[in-house]
N, C-alpha and C. Protein backbone atom coordinates (compact mmCIF):
# COMPACT_ATOMS: atom_id res chain seq x y z
N MET A 1 97.18 87.21 85.20
CA MET A 1 97.87 86.05 85.59
C MET A 1 96.83 84.95 85.57
N GLY A 2 97.70 83.89 84.98
CA GLY A 2 96.74 82.29 84.99
C GLY A 2 96.88 81.86 86.18
N LEU A 3 96.00 80.88 86.40
CA LEU A 3 95.97 79.94 87.48
C LEU A 3 97.22 79.18 88.18
N ARG A 4 97.84 78.63 86.95
CA ARG A 4 99.12 78.04 87.17
C ARG A 4 100.03 79.17 87.97
N GLU A 5 100.16 80.10 87.49
CA GLU A 5 101.19 81.13 88.36
C GLU A 5 100.50 81.45 89.57
N ARG A 6 99.39 81.47 89.52
CA ARG A 6 98.93 81.92 90.93
C ARG A 6 99.24 80.88 92.13
N ILE A 7 98.83 79.93 91.46
CA ILE A 7 99.00 78.61 92.60
C ILE A 7 100.64 78.55 92.70
N ALA A 8 101.32 78.69 91.88
CA ALA A 8 102.72 78.83 92.09
C ALA A 8 103.52 79.94 93.04
N ASN A 9 102.62 81.01 92.93
CA ASN A 9 103.27 82.04 93.62
C ASN A 9 102.73 81.67 95.27
N LEU A 10 101.47 80.94 95.29
CA LEU A 10 101.06 80.84 96.76
C LEU A 10 102.04 79.70 97.21
N VAL A 11 102.44 78.91 96.59
CA VAL A 11 103.13 77.81 97.03
C VAL A 11 104.65 78.11 97.55
N LEU A 12 105.29 79.09 96.62
CA LEU A 12 106.41 79.55 96.95
C LEU A 12 107.05 80.68 97.61
N ARG A 13 105.93 81.47 97.76
CA ARG A 13 105.86 82.55 98.50
C ARG A 13 106.61 82.23 100.05
N PRO A 14 107.06 83.35 100.86
CA PRO A 14 107.42 83.21 102.15
C PRO A 14 106.28 82.83 102.82
N ARG A 15 106.45 81.93 104.18
CA ARG A 15 105.59 81.56 105.06
C ARG A 15 105.13 82.87 106.03
N SER A 16 103.78 83.45 105.97
CA SER A 16 103.68 84.29 106.92
C SER A 16 103.76 84.19 108.12
N LEU A 17 103.82 84.96 108.73
CA LEU A 17 104.16 84.61 110.57
C LEU A 17 102.62 84.48 110.89
N ARG A 18 101.88 84.76 110.37
CA ARG A 18 100.44 84.58 111.12
C ARG A 18 99.52 83.50 110.07
N ALA A 19 100.43 82.62 109.57
CA ALA A 19 99.76 81.55 108.56
C ALA A 19 98.79 80.72 109.24
N THR A 20 99.22 80.26 110.54
CA THR A 20 98.45 79.27 111.33
C THR A 20 97.46 80.13 112.40
N PRO A 21 96.31 79.78 112.31
CA PRO A 21 95.45 80.67 112.84
C PRO A 21 95.05 80.26 114.23
N VAL A 22 94.93 81.08 114.96
CA VAL A 22 94.65 80.83 116.44
C VAL A 22 93.27 80.19 116.62
N ILE A 23 93.19 78.93 117.48
CA ILE A 23 92.04 78.21 117.62
C ILE A 23 91.06 78.34 118.85
N VAL A 24 92.04 78.23 120.07
CA VAL A 24 91.48 78.57 121.37
C VAL A 24 92.29 79.80 121.98
N PRO A 25 91.81 80.41 122.98
CA PRO A 25 92.37 81.62 123.57
C PRO A 25 93.39 80.81 124.49
N ASP A 26 94.31 81.80 125.02
CA ASP A 26 95.63 81.28 126.03
C ASP A 26 95.02 80.52 127.20
N TYR A 27 93.91 81.33 127.57
CA TYR A 27 93.16 80.66 129.11
C TYR A 27 92.48 78.93 129.23
N GLN A 28 92.69 78.57 127.88
CA GLN A 28 91.97 77.24 127.51
C GLN A 28 92.93 76.41 127.40
N THR A 29 94.08 76.77 126.97
CA THR A 29 95.67 75.82 126.71
C THR A 29 95.88 74.95 127.55
N GLY A 30 96.52 73.75 127.61
CA GLY A 30 96.72 72.87 128.34
C GLY A 30 95.81 72.43 129.05
N PHE A 31 94.43 72.68 129.01
CA PHE A 31 93.45 71.58 129.91
C PHE A 31 92.82 70.82 129.11
N PRO A 32 92.32 69.71 129.47
CA PRO A 32 91.50 68.59 128.66
C PRO A 32 90.40 69.28 127.97
N HIS A 33 90.24 68.81 126.90
CA HIS A 33 89.14 69.48 125.91
C HIS A 33 88.46 67.92 125.62
N PRO A 34 87.41 67.56 126.55
CA PRO A 34 86.75 66.41 126.20
C PRO A 34 85.75 66.72 125.00
N PRO A 35 85.43 65.35 124.32
CA PRO A 35 84.03 65.63 123.22
C PRO A 35 82.96 65.78 123.72
N ASP A 36 82.17 66.26 123.07
CA ASP A 36 80.55 66.39 123.67
C ASP A 36 79.85 65.26 122.87
N TRP A 37 80.68 64.15 122.36
CA TRP A 37 79.83 63.16 121.95
C TRP A 37 80.20 61.68 122.69
N ASP A 38 79.35 61.00 123.47
CA ASP A 38 79.60 59.82 124.48
C ASP A 38 79.82 58.41 123.14
N ALA A 39 81.05 58.66 123.00
CA ALA A 39 81.77 57.66 122.22
C ALA A 39 81.24 56.14 122.88
N ALA A 40 81.30 55.95 123.79
CA ALA A 40 80.99 54.47 124.75
C ALA A 40 79.39 54.23 124.46
N ALA A 41 78.64 55.40 124.62
CA ALA A 41 77.07 55.11 124.63
C ALA A 41 76.99 54.83 123.02
N ALA A 42 77.52 55.48 121.98
CA ALA A 42 77.22 55.35 120.61
C ALA A 42 77.60 53.57 120.53
N ILE A 43 78.70 53.14 121.08
CA ILE A 43 79.02 51.67 120.67
C ILE A 43 77.96 50.87 121.44
N ARG A 44 77.63 51.27 122.77
CA ARG A 44 76.72 50.55 123.54
C ARG A 44 75.24 50.69 123.03
N GLU A 45 74.82 51.54 122.76
CA GLU A 45 73.18 51.88 122.41
C GLU A 45 73.02 51.90 121.09
N GLY A 46 73.90 51.67 120.03
CA GLY A 46 73.86 52.11 118.58
C GLY A 46 74.23 50.83 117.91
N TYR A 47 75.56 50.60 118.10
CA TYR A 47 76.52 49.49 117.43
C TYR A 47 76.10 48.03 117.84
N ARG A 48 75.79 47.89 119.26
CA ARG A 48 75.32 46.79 119.98
C ARG A 48 74.09 46.63 120.00
N ALA A 49 73.46 47.32 120.11
CA ALA A 49 71.65 47.38 120.27
C ALA A 49 71.00 47.74 119.13
N HIS A 50 71.41 48.27 118.05
CA HIS A 50 70.39 48.43 117.21
C HIS A 50 70.98 47.78 115.62
N ILE A 51 70.23 46.84 114.94
CA ILE A 51 70.58 45.93 113.86
C ILE A 51 70.85 46.76 112.91
N ALA A 52 70.26 47.98 112.64
CA ALA A 52 70.38 48.59 111.22
C ALA A 52 71.90 49.43 111.30
N VAL A 53 71.98 49.88 112.54
CA VAL A 53 73.13 50.52 112.94
C VAL A 53 74.54 49.44 112.52
N TYR A 54 74.31 48.17 113.23
CA TYR A 54 75.22 47.30 113.16
C TYR A 54 75.45 47.13 111.73
N ARG A 55 74.31 46.60 110.94
CA ARG A 55 74.43 46.24 109.62
C ARG A 55 75.26 47.31 108.83
N CYS A 56 74.67 48.62 108.49
CA CYS A 56 75.03 49.71 107.85
C CYS A 56 76.67 49.75 108.28
N VAL A 57 77.20 49.78 109.64
CA VAL A 57 78.63 50.02 109.73
C VAL A 57 79.57 48.87 109.50
N THR A 58 78.82 47.41 109.39
CA THR A 58 79.93 46.47 109.11
C THR A 58 79.95 46.21 107.88
N GLU A 59 78.88 46.53 107.15
CA GLU A 59 78.89 46.53 105.54
C GLU A 59 79.82 47.88 104.91
N LEU A 60 79.86 48.88 105.61
CA LEU A 60 80.47 49.95 104.99
C LEU A 60 82.05 49.61 105.44
N ALA A 61 82.24 49.34 106.54
CA ALA A 61 83.62 49.05 107.30
C ALA A 61 84.25 48.05 106.18
N GLY A 62 83.49 46.77 106.03
CA GLY A 62 84.08 45.76 105.24
C GLY A 62 84.50 46.36 103.63
N ALA A 63 83.56 47.18 103.27
CA ALA A 63 83.63 47.72 101.69
C ALA A 63 85.02 48.45 101.96
N VAL A 64 85.51 49.16 102.75
CA VAL A 64 86.47 50.20 102.88
C VAL A 64 87.86 49.20 102.80
N ALA A 65 87.54 48.25 103.82
CA ALA A 65 88.80 47.37 104.20
C ALA A 65 89.11 46.50 103.21
N SER A 66 88.28 46.39 101.89
CA SER A 66 88.20 45.31 100.76
C SER A 66 88.92 46.17 99.77
N VAL A 67 89.15 47.57 99.70
CA VAL A 67 90.13 48.25 98.54
C VAL A 67 91.41 47.79 98.49
N PRO A 68 91.97 47.62 97.30
CA PRO A 68 93.13 47.37 97.55
C PRO A 68 94.22 48.55 97.50
N TRP A 69 95.65 48.55 98.17
CA TRP A 69 96.12 49.51 97.91
C TRP A 69 97.55 49.19 97.50
N VAL A 70 98.04 50.42 96.73
CA VAL A 70 99.37 50.38 95.99
C VAL A 70 100.22 51.49 96.50
N LEU A 71 101.46 50.84 96.63
CA LEU A 71 102.79 51.62 97.05
C LEU A 71 103.16 52.14 95.99
N LYS A 72 103.81 53.66 95.89
CA LYS A 72 104.12 54.25 94.88
C LYS A 72 105.42 55.00 95.08
N ARG A 73 106.28 55.26 94.68
CA ARG A 73 107.40 56.17 94.93
C ARG A 73 107.89 56.97 93.94
N GLU A 74 108.42 58.24 94.41
CA GLU A 74 108.81 59.15 93.29
C GLU A 74 109.97 58.69 92.47
N ARG A 75 109.98 59.06 91.24
CA ARG A 75 111.11 59.16 90.65
C ARG A 75 111.81 60.11 90.03
N PRO A 76 113.42 60.20 90.11
CA PRO A 76 114.10 61.40 90.13
C PRO A 76 113.46 62.29 89.08
N ASP A 77 112.79 61.96 87.88
CA ASP A 77 112.22 62.95 87.28
C ASP A 77 111.00 63.47 87.27
N GLY A 78 110.49 63.20 88.75
CA GLY A 78 109.30 63.58 89.41
C GLY A 78 107.95 62.72 89.02
N GLY A 79 108.26 62.09 88.09
CA GLY A 79 107.22 60.80 88.06
C GLY A 79 106.87 59.81 89.48
N THR A 80 105.95 58.90 89.12
CA THR A 80 105.68 58.02 90.24
C THR A 80 105.84 56.55 89.54
N GLU A 81 105.97 55.63 90.29
CA GLU A 81 106.32 54.27 89.72
C GLU A 81 106.01 53.40 91.30
N GLU A 82 105.37 52.27 90.83
CA GLU A 82 104.98 51.38 91.71
C GLU A 82 106.50 50.73 92.67
N ALA A 83 106.06 50.87 94.00
CA ALA A 83 107.59 50.55 94.71
C ALA A 83 107.95 49.06 94.60
N PRO A 84 108.87 48.62 95.01
CA PRO A 84 109.19 47.20 94.31
C PRO A 84 108.74 46.50 96.08
N TYR A 85 108.55 45.30 96.14
CA TYR A 85 108.44 44.64 97.23
C TYR A 85 109.29 44.38 98.53
N THR A 86 110.60 44.93 98.20
CA THR A 86 111.17 45.02 99.20
C THR A 86 111.46 46.34 99.92
N HIS A 87 110.62 47.34 99.47
CA HIS A 87 110.27 48.67 99.92
C HIS A 87 109.51 48.21 101.44
N PRO A 88 109.73 48.88 102.50
CA PRO A 88 109.47 49.00 103.59
C PRO A 88 107.99 49.43 103.86
N GLY A 89 107.59 49.93 103.12
CA GLY A 89 105.97 50.49 103.14
C GLY A 89 105.28 49.28 102.88
N TRP A 90 105.66 48.10 102.08
CA TRP A 90 105.08 47.15 101.63
C TRP A 90 104.71 46.39 103.04
N GLN A 91 105.76 46.39 103.97
CA GLN A 91 105.53 45.57 105.21
C GLN A 91 104.31 46.11 105.87
N LEU A 92 104.28 47.26 105.99
CA LEU A 92 102.88 47.89 106.58
C LEU A 92 101.79 47.70 106.09
N LEU A 93 101.70 47.67 104.50
CA LEU A 93 100.60 47.21 103.97
C LEU A 93 100.11 45.98 103.89
N ARG A 94 101.02 45.04 104.29
CA ARG A 94 100.52 43.70 104.84
C ARG A 94 100.32 43.29 106.00
N LYS A 95 100.92 44.05 107.22
CA LYS A 95 100.72 43.93 108.52
C LYS A 95 100.76 45.46 109.09
N ALA A 96 99.51 45.92 109.69
CA ALA A 96 99.93 47.41 110.42
C ALA A 96 100.98 47.15 111.71
N ASN A 97 100.46 45.98 112.36
CA ASN A 97 101.51 45.54 113.42
C ASN A 97 101.68 44.07 113.65
N PRO A 98 102.68 43.56 114.42
CA PRO A 98 102.71 42.10 114.46
C PRO A 98 101.29 41.49 114.85
N ARG A 99 100.25 42.06 115.41
CA ARG A 99 99.29 41.50 115.53
C ARG A 99 97.86 41.81 114.81
N MET A 100 98.26 42.67 113.98
CA MET A 100 96.99 43.05 113.15
C MET A 100 97.26 43.35 111.64
N SER A 101 96.68 42.74 110.72
CA SER A 101 97.07 42.90 109.15
C SER A 101 96.17 44.37 108.79
N TRP A 102 96.42 44.72 107.72
CA TRP A 102 96.27 45.91 107.46
C TRP A 102 94.81 46.10 107.28
N SER A 103 94.16 45.32 106.43
CA SER A 103 92.94 45.19 106.54
C SER A 103 92.01 45.17 107.71
N GLN A 104 92.42 44.67 108.44
CA GLN A 104 92.06 44.94 109.85
C GLN A 104 91.81 46.02 110.50
N MET A 105 93.00 46.81 110.37
CA MET A 105 93.26 48.19 110.57
C MET A 105 92.30 49.02 110.08
N ILE A 106 92.18 48.91 108.51
CA ILE A 106 91.57 49.80 108.06
C ILE A 106 90.06 49.67 108.35
N GLU A 107 89.34 48.58 108.65
CA GLU A 107 88.23 48.06 108.64
C GLU A 107 87.78 48.61 110.43
N GLY A 108 88.67 48.73 111.24
CA GLY A 108 88.51 48.97 112.56
C GLY A 108 88.81 50.60 112.51
N VAL A 109 89.55 51.31 111.60
CA VAL A 109 89.47 52.65 111.66
C VAL A 109 87.81 53.28 110.78
N ALA A 110 87.52 52.64 109.94
CA ALA A 110 86.07 52.66 109.48
C ALA A 110 85.17 52.58 110.36
N VAL A 111 85.23 51.58 111.11
CA VAL A 111 83.84 51.22 112.36
C VAL A 111 84.17 52.45 113.31
N CYS A 112 85.22 53.00 113.99
CA CYS A 112 85.29 54.01 114.56
C CYS A 112 84.89 55.28 114.24
N ILE A 113 85.49 55.57 112.83
CA ILE A 113 85.00 56.88 112.45
C ILE A 113 83.29 56.85 112.22
N LEU A 114 82.61 55.76 111.84
CA LEU A 114 81.71 55.80 111.67
C LEU A 114 80.43 55.89 112.95
N LEU A 115 80.97 55.73 113.97
CA LEU A 115 80.40 55.38 115.39
C LEU A 115 80.87 56.83 116.06
N THR A 116 81.94 57.03 116.08
CA THR A 116 82.27 58.22 116.97
C THR A 116 83.01 59.55 116.24
N GLY A 117 82.96 59.23 114.93
CA GLY A 117 83.83 60.39 114.24
C GLY A 117 85.09 60.51 114.20
N ASN A 118 85.75 59.79 114.77
CA ASN A 118 87.17 59.98 115.09
C ASN A 118 87.94 58.56 115.08
N HIS A 119 89.25 58.30 114.54
CA HIS A 119 89.97 57.33 115.03
C HIS A 119 91.37 57.87 115.15
N TYR A 120 92.06 56.84 115.98
CA TYR A 120 93.29 57.25 116.36
C TYR A 120 94.15 56.39 115.94
N SER A 121 95.25 56.59 115.37
CA SER A 121 96.68 55.71 115.42
C SER A 121 97.58 55.99 115.72
N LEU A 122 98.31 55.21 116.49
CA LEU A 122 99.62 55.45 117.13
C LEU A 122 100.42 55.19 116.38
N VAL A 123 101.66 55.82 115.95
CA VAL A 123 102.83 55.54 114.84
C VAL A 123 103.86 55.33 115.91
N THR A 124 104.66 54.15 115.50
CA THR A 124 105.72 53.71 116.09
C THR A 124 106.86 53.10 115.44
N THR A 125 107.90 52.96 115.74
CA THR A 125 108.94 52.48 114.51
C THR A 125 109.68 51.35 115.40
N SER A 126 110.13 50.21 114.73
CA SER A 126 110.81 48.90 115.13
C SER A 126 111.57 48.92 114.19
N GLY A 127 113.10 49.34 114.23
CA GLY A 127 114.24 49.24 113.20
C GLY A 127 113.68 50.19 111.99
N ARG A 128 113.56 49.46 110.89
CA ARG A 128 113.14 50.42 109.67
C ARG A 128 111.69 50.34 109.32
N ARG A 129 111.14 49.38 110.49
CA ARG A 129 109.62 49.38 109.84
C ARG A 129 108.80 50.08 111.13
N VAL A 130 107.90 50.74 110.08
CA VAL A 130 106.71 51.45 110.77
C VAL A 130 105.60 50.69 111.24
N GLU A 131 104.84 51.03 112.20
CA GLU A 131 103.79 50.06 112.63
C GLU A 131 102.75 51.37 113.23
N LEU A 132 101.48 50.84 113.03
CA LEU A 132 100.15 51.52 113.49
C LEU A 132 99.56 50.65 114.52
N TYR A 133 99.18 51.27 115.52
CA TYR A 133 98.18 50.52 116.59
C TYR A 133 96.83 51.60 116.76
N ARG A 134 95.94 50.91 116.91
CA ARG A 134 94.72 51.48 116.99
C ARG A 134 94.58 52.05 118.53
N LEU A 135 93.90 53.49 118.83
CA LEU A 135 93.68 53.83 120.02
C LEU A 135 92.24 53.96 120.39
N ARG A 136 91.37 53.53 120.97
CA ARG A 136 90.11 53.23 121.01
C ARG A 136 89.83 54.77 121.35
N PRO A 137 88.64 55.43 120.43
CA PRO A 137 88.16 56.61 120.87
C PRO A 137 87.77 57.15 121.99
N ASP A 138 87.21 56.28 122.64
CA ASP A 138 86.35 56.77 123.95
C ASP A 138 87.56 56.87 125.11
N ARG A 139 88.83 56.42 124.64
CA ARG A 139 89.75 56.92 125.40
C ARG A 139 90.72 57.57 125.23
N VAL A 140 90.56 58.42 124.45
CA VAL A 140 91.35 59.57 124.04
C VAL A 140 90.79 60.95 124.31
N GLU A 141 91.62 61.99 124.59
CA GLU A 141 91.20 63.22 125.09
C GLU A 141 92.35 64.31 124.64
N VAL A 142 91.96 65.24 124.02
CA VAL A 142 92.85 66.33 123.44
C VAL A 142 93.12 67.15 124.46
N ILE A 143 94.40 67.49 124.77
CA ILE A 143 94.84 68.88 125.24
C ILE A 143 95.06 69.75 124.04
N PRO A 144 94.61 70.70 124.31
CA PRO A 144 94.70 71.84 123.06
C PRO A 144 95.89 72.79 123.44
N GLY A 145 96.40 73.03 122.22
CA GLY A 145 97.24 74.28 122.22
C GLY A 145 96.56 75.53 121.58
N ARG A 146 97.54 76.63 121.35
CA ARG A 146 96.89 77.82 120.58
C ARG A 146 96.37 77.56 119.26
N ASP A 147 97.04 76.71 118.55
CA ASP A 147 96.73 76.40 116.79
C ASP A 147 96.66 74.83 116.82
N GLY A 148 96.46 74.25 117.52
CA GLY A 148 95.89 72.78 117.24
C GLY A 148 96.26 71.76 118.65
N PRO A 149 96.09 70.50 118.34
CA PRO A 149 96.41 69.80 119.60
C PRO A 149 97.64 69.71 120.08
N ARG A 150 97.90 70.26 121.42
CA ARG A 150 99.20 70.12 121.91
C ARG A 150 99.75 68.59 122.40
N VAL A 151 98.70 67.77 123.14
CA VAL A 151 99.14 66.31 123.14
C VAL A 151 97.73 65.59 123.02
N TYR A 152 97.99 64.37 122.70
CA TYR A 152 97.00 63.48 122.78
C TYR A 152 97.14 62.73 124.18
N VAL A 153 95.86 62.46 125.19
CA VAL A 153 96.11 61.80 126.66
C VAL A 153 95.33 60.44 126.22
N TYR A 154 95.93 59.21 126.34
CA TYR A 154 95.03 57.95 126.28
C TYR A 154 95.19 57.48 127.69
N ARG A 155 93.85 57.20 128.06
CA ARG A 155 93.94 56.49 129.39
C ARG A 155 93.06 55.14 129.27
N VAL A 156 93.78 54.07 130.21
CA VAL A 156 93.38 52.61 129.99
C VAL A 156 93.01 52.48 131.99
N GLY A 157 92.02 52.55 132.27
CA GLY A 157 92.09 52.42 133.60
C GLY A 157 92.61 53.51 134.33
N THR A 158 93.65 53.21 135.06
CA THR A 158 94.21 54.42 136.08
C THR A 158 95.13 54.53 135.19
N GLU A 159 96.01 53.90 134.50
CA GLU A 159 97.21 54.62 133.45
C GLU A 159 96.65 55.60 132.46
N GLU A 160 97.67 56.48 132.33
CA GLU A 160 97.56 57.50 131.21
C GLU A 160 98.83 57.54 130.61
N PHE A 161 98.67 57.81 129.25
CA PHE A 161 99.42 57.93 128.41
C PHE A 161 99.47 59.20 127.47
N THR A 162 100.77 59.90 127.59
CA THR A 162 100.61 61.28 126.62
C THR A 162 101.49 60.92 125.45
N TYR A 163 100.79 61.44 124.19
CA TYR A 163 101.59 61.55 123.01
C TYR A 163 101.66 62.77 122.25
N LEU A 164 102.70 63.03 121.56
CA LEU A 164 102.64 64.16 120.94
C LEU A 164 102.09 64.09 119.33
N PRO A 165 101.54 65.14 118.86
CA PRO A 165 100.74 65.11 117.64
C PRO A 165 101.33 64.74 116.70
N GLU A 166 102.65 64.53 116.74
CA GLU A 166 103.06 63.60 115.44
C GLU A 166 103.44 62.21 115.51
N GLU A 167 103.10 62.14 116.79
CA GLU A 167 102.79 60.19 116.98
C GLU A 167 101.36 59.83 116.76
N ILE A 168 100.77 60.82 116.53
CA ILE A 168 99.19 60.35 116.15
C ILE A 168 98.55 60.57 114.94
N VAL A 169 98.05 59.89 114.17
CA VAL A 169 97.43 60.23 113.16
C VAL A 169 95.80 60.09 113.32
N HIS A 170 95.20 61.04 113.19
CA HIS A 170 93.75 61.48 113.62
C HIS A 170 93.08 61.38 112.08
N HIS A 171 92.27 60.43 112.24
CA HIS A 171 90.99 60.45 110.90
C HIS A 171 89.99 60.98 111.78
N LEU A 172 89.20 61.36 110.68
CA LEU A 172 88.24 62.16 111.36
C LEU A 172 86.98 62.55 110.33
N PHE A 173 85.72 62.63 110.52
CA PHE A 173 84.85 63.26 109.58
C PHE A 173 84.68 64.79 110.38
N TYR A 174 84.85 65.75 109.28
CA TYR A 174 85.00 67.00 109.82
C TYR A 174 83.80 67.59 110.30
N ASP A 175 83.99 68.06 111.42
CA ASP A 175 82.53 68.81 112.30
C ASP A 175 83.07 70.09 112.00
N PRO A 176 81.91 71.11 111.43
CA PRO A 176 82.24 72.54 111.57
C PRO A 176 82.14 73.40 112.91
N GLY A 177 81.44 72.53 113.84
CA GLY A 177 81.14 73.04 115.27
C GLY A 177 82.21 72.58 116.03
N SER A 178 83.40 72.21 115.65
CA SER A 178 84.27 71.40 116.68
C SER A 178 85.79 71.78 116.02
N ASP A 179 86.75 72.17 117.05
CA ASP A 179 88.06 72.49 116.63
C ASP A 179 88.86 71.32 116.56
N PHE A 180 88.65 70.13 117.42
CA PHE A 180 89.63 68.99 117.55
C PHE A 180 88.96 67.75 117.19
N TYR A 181 87.31 67.69 117.36
CA TYR A 181 87.05 66.24 116.99
C TYR A 181 86.12 66.07 116.02
N GLY A 182 85.78 65.04 115.33
CA GLY A 182 85.17 64.74 114.25
C GLY A 182 83.72 64.66 114.42
N LEU A 183 82.65 64.52 113.60
CA LEU A 183 81.24 64.19 113.78
C LEU A 183 80.96 63.18 113.04
N SER A 184 80.42 62.31 113.91
CA SER A 184 79.77 60.70 113.56
C SER A 184 78.64 60.81 112.93
N PRO A 185 78.46 60.10 111.63
CA PRO A 185 77.31 59.83 111.17
C PRO A 185 76.32 59.47 111.84
N LEU A 186 76.44 58.48 112.96
CA LEU A 186 75.49 58.00 114.07
C LEU A 186 74.83 59.34 114.76
N ARG A 187 75.63 60.25 114.83
CA ARG A 187 75.30 61.37 115.92
C ARG A 187 74.02 61.76 115.30
N ALA A 188 74.06 62.18 113.75
CA ALA A 188 72.98 62.84 113.15
C ALA A 188 71.50 61.78 113.10
N ALA A 189 71.90 60.42 113.55
CA ALA A 189 70.62 59.78 113.40
C ALA A 189 70.36 58.95 114.80
N ALA A 190 71.09 59.96 115.86
CA ALA A 190 70.83 59.14 117.34
C ALA A 190 69.44 59.37 117.74
N ARG A 191 68.53 60.54 117.63
CA ARG A 191 67.32 60.53 117.98
C ARG A 191 66.19 59.29 117.24
N VAL A 192 66.43 59.00 116.12
CA VAL A 192 65.65 57.80 115.29
C VAL A 192 66.30 56.69 116.09
N VAL A 193 67.57 56.46 116.30
CA VAL A 193 68.09 55.19 116.94
C VAL A 193 67.54 55.23 118.40
N ASP A 194 67.59 56.00 119.05
CA ASP A 194 66.99 56.01 120.54
C ASP A 194 65.52 55.77 120.70
N THR A 195 64.83 56.38 119.67
CA THR A 195 63.51 56.33 119.57
C THR A 195 63.14 54.49 118.97
N ASP A 196 63.75 54.13 118.26
CA ASP A 196 63.69 52.74 117.78
C ASP A 196 64.04 51.95 119.29
N ASN A 197 64.98 52.30 119.75
CA ASN A 197 65.48 51.44 120.94
C ASN A 197 64.59 51.47 122.16
N ALA A 198 63.79 52.52 122.45
CA ALA A 198 62.84 52.88 123.38
C ALA A 198 61.50 51.97 122.91
N THR A 199 61.33 51.88 121.71
CA THR A 199 59.91 51.35 121.11
C THR A 199 60.41 49.73 121.30
N VAL A 200 61.65 49.36 121.31
CA VAL A 200 61.44 47.73 121.32
C VAL A 200 61.41 47.63 122.92
N ASP A 201 62.02 48.39 123.77
CA ASP A 201 62.05 48.06 125.16
C ASP A 201 60.73 48.20 125.57
N TRP A 202 59.86 48.94 125.14
CA TRP A 202 58.33 49.20 125.34
C TRP A 202 57.73 48.09 125.07
N ASN A 203 57.64 47.46 123.76
CA ASN A 203 57.12 46.05 123.58
C ASN A 203 57.56 45.05 123.82
N ARG A 204 59.13 44.81 124.19
CA ARG A 204 59.52 43.85 125.49
C ARG A 204 58.89 43.72 126.79
N PHE A 205 58.98 44.87 127.17
CA PHE A 205 58.46 44.84 128.80
C PHE A 205 56.78 44.50 128.75
N SER A 206 55.97 45.01 127.60
CA SER A 206 54.71 45.12 127.66
C SER A 206 54.32 43.21 127.39
N MET A 207 55.24 42.77 126.37
CA MET A 207 54.89 41.48 126.26
C MET A 207 55.03 40.40 127.35
N ARG A 208 55.90 40.79 128.30
CA ARG A 208 56.46 40.17 129.85
C ARG A 208 54.98 40.09 130.66
N ASN A 209 54.12 41.10 130.55
CA ASN A 209 52.82 41.35 131.17
C ASN A 209 51.56 41.10 130.36
N ARG A 210 52.11 40.27 129.24
CA ARG A 210 50.88 40.14 128.23
C ARG A 210 50.23 41.40 127.84
N THR A 211 50.89 42.47 127.73
CA THR A 211 50.47 43.79 127.18
C THR A 211 49.32 44.41 128.02
N ARG A 212 49.38 44.00 128.95
CA ARG A 212 48.61 44.59 130.18
C ARG A 212 49.14 45.70 130.97
N PRO A 213 48.81 46.67 131.36
CA PRO A 213 49.32 47.64 132.26
C PRO A 213 49.63 47.04 133.72
N ASP A 214 50.54 47.67 134.31
CA ASP A 214 50.77 46.97 135.82
C ASP A 214 49.44 47.42 136.73
N GLY A 215 48.89 48.53 136.51
CA GLY A 215 47.56 49.08 137.24
C GLY A 215 47.26 50.55 136.62
N LEU A 216 46.13 50.92 137.12
CA LEU A 216 45.62 52.44 136.53
C LEU A 216 45.19 52.92 137.92
N VAL A 217 45.37 53.96 138.18
CA VAL A 217 44.82 54.96 139.31
C VAL A 217 44.09 55.98 138.99
N ASN A 218 42.68 56.08 139.07
CA ASN A 218 41.95 57.13 138.80
C ASN A 218 41.57 58.29 139.79
N VAL A 219 41.60 59.39 139.81
CA VAL A 219 40.99 60.30 140.64
C VAL A 219 39.95 61.40 140.06
N LYS A 220 39.27 61.82 141.11
CA LYS A 220 37.89 62.19 140.52
C LYS A 220 38.00 64.04 140.29
N ALA A 221 38.97 64.12 141.15
CA ALA A 221 39.31 65.73 141.22
C ALA A 221 40.82 65.78 140.64
N PRO A 222 41.13 66.97 140.06
CA PRO A 222 42.39 67.48 139.84
C PRO A 222 43.42 67.59 140.76
N LEU A 223 44.60 67.15 140.89
CA LEU A 223 45.53 67.34 141.89
C LEU A 223 46.53 68.14 141.69
N SER A 224 47.09 69.15 143.08
CA SER A 224 47.91 70.02 142.65
C SER A 224 49.28 69.37 142.58
N GLU A 225 50.38 69.84 142.33
CA GLU A 225 51.51 69.36 142.00
C GLU A 225 52.18 68.25 143.43
N ALA A 226 51.91 68.94 144.65
CA ALA A 226 52.40 68.12 145.74
C ALA A 226 51.72 66.76 145.79
N GLN A 227 49.96 67.12 145.54
CA GLN A 227 49.31 65.63 145.57
C GLN A 227 49.60 64.60 144.43
N HIS A 228 49.85 65.25 143.67
CA HIS A 228 50.33 64.42 142.32
C HIS A 228 51.47 63.52 142.78
N ALA A 229 52.63 64.32 143.54
CA ALA A 229 53.97 63.69 143.81
C ALA A 229 53.86 62.75 145.19
N THR A 230 52.87 63.14 145.89
CA THR A 230 52.50 62.26 147.22
C THR A 230 51.89 60.81 146.55
N LEU A 231 50.97 61.14 145.73
CA LEU A 231 50.29 60.10 145.01
C LEU A 231 51.34 59.14 144.39
N LEU A 232 52.07 59.56 143.51
CA LEU A 232 53.15 58.79 142.85
C LEU A 232 54.20 58.05 143.76
N LYS A 233 54.57 58.53 145.07
CA LYS A 233 55.37 58.22 145.95
C LYS A 233 54.77 57.02 146.87
N GLN A 234 53.36 57.05 146.92
CA GLN A 234 52.96 56.12 147.77
C GLN A 234 52.54 54.88 146.60
C-alpha cells in the first residue's frame, strides 16, 4: 500500500471512540489550572526592565506584523483563488476589531507569545463581521476537562468572565511539560535575565555610595548560628 492510500485510509476511516486522549484525571476536572510561569513578572522584570529582551521582542513582533496576508477561497473544482475584496474575511484582515488594526493584533500576539508563551483571542461576531479581541495572558486561567480545556476564565479586577473553548483562539509555543499552556522563550533565558538585572541593581546601589560598603563588622571568634542571627539583628 502506498503512502497516498495509507493517508486516505486514516482520513476516511470511522472515528474511534477513544480517538481523543485523556489529559487529566476526573478529580482534577472543573478546578482552575493556573500556569506555572508568572506572566506579570515576565512583563515587569523582562520586557520593561531589560533592554535586550525589549529589543528582541519588539524586533521579532514587528517583523511578524509586517508579513502581508492574503485571503483565498476554495473553488468548486477543489482549487483555490484569491477572494474578492467584498469577502467578509478582508474586513478582518483590515481591522481585527473597531479599535485595532490587523497588524496591531498580530504584533500583540507575537509580543505575548514571546513573553508568556501564550496568547488568547476572543472571537465575536457583529452581523456578518467576525472580530478578534486580545485577552491579556496574565488574566487568563484554564479550567480543564478530561480531554482539554473545559472553559477559559478571564479576570479583570473583581470581575470574572467565562468563555467556551470555541470562543477562544489559543496561540502558544508548545510546552512538552504542560497540557494547557505554552512555553515562553523568555523562560529559557530567565536566569540570565535575572542575573543581568541583579548586576545592574548592585552597580546602581553601589554608585549611590561611591562604591563603598555601608559598613563591615569583623569578629575574632567563630559564631554559632544563634550568635550570628543576633548580631545581624543588632
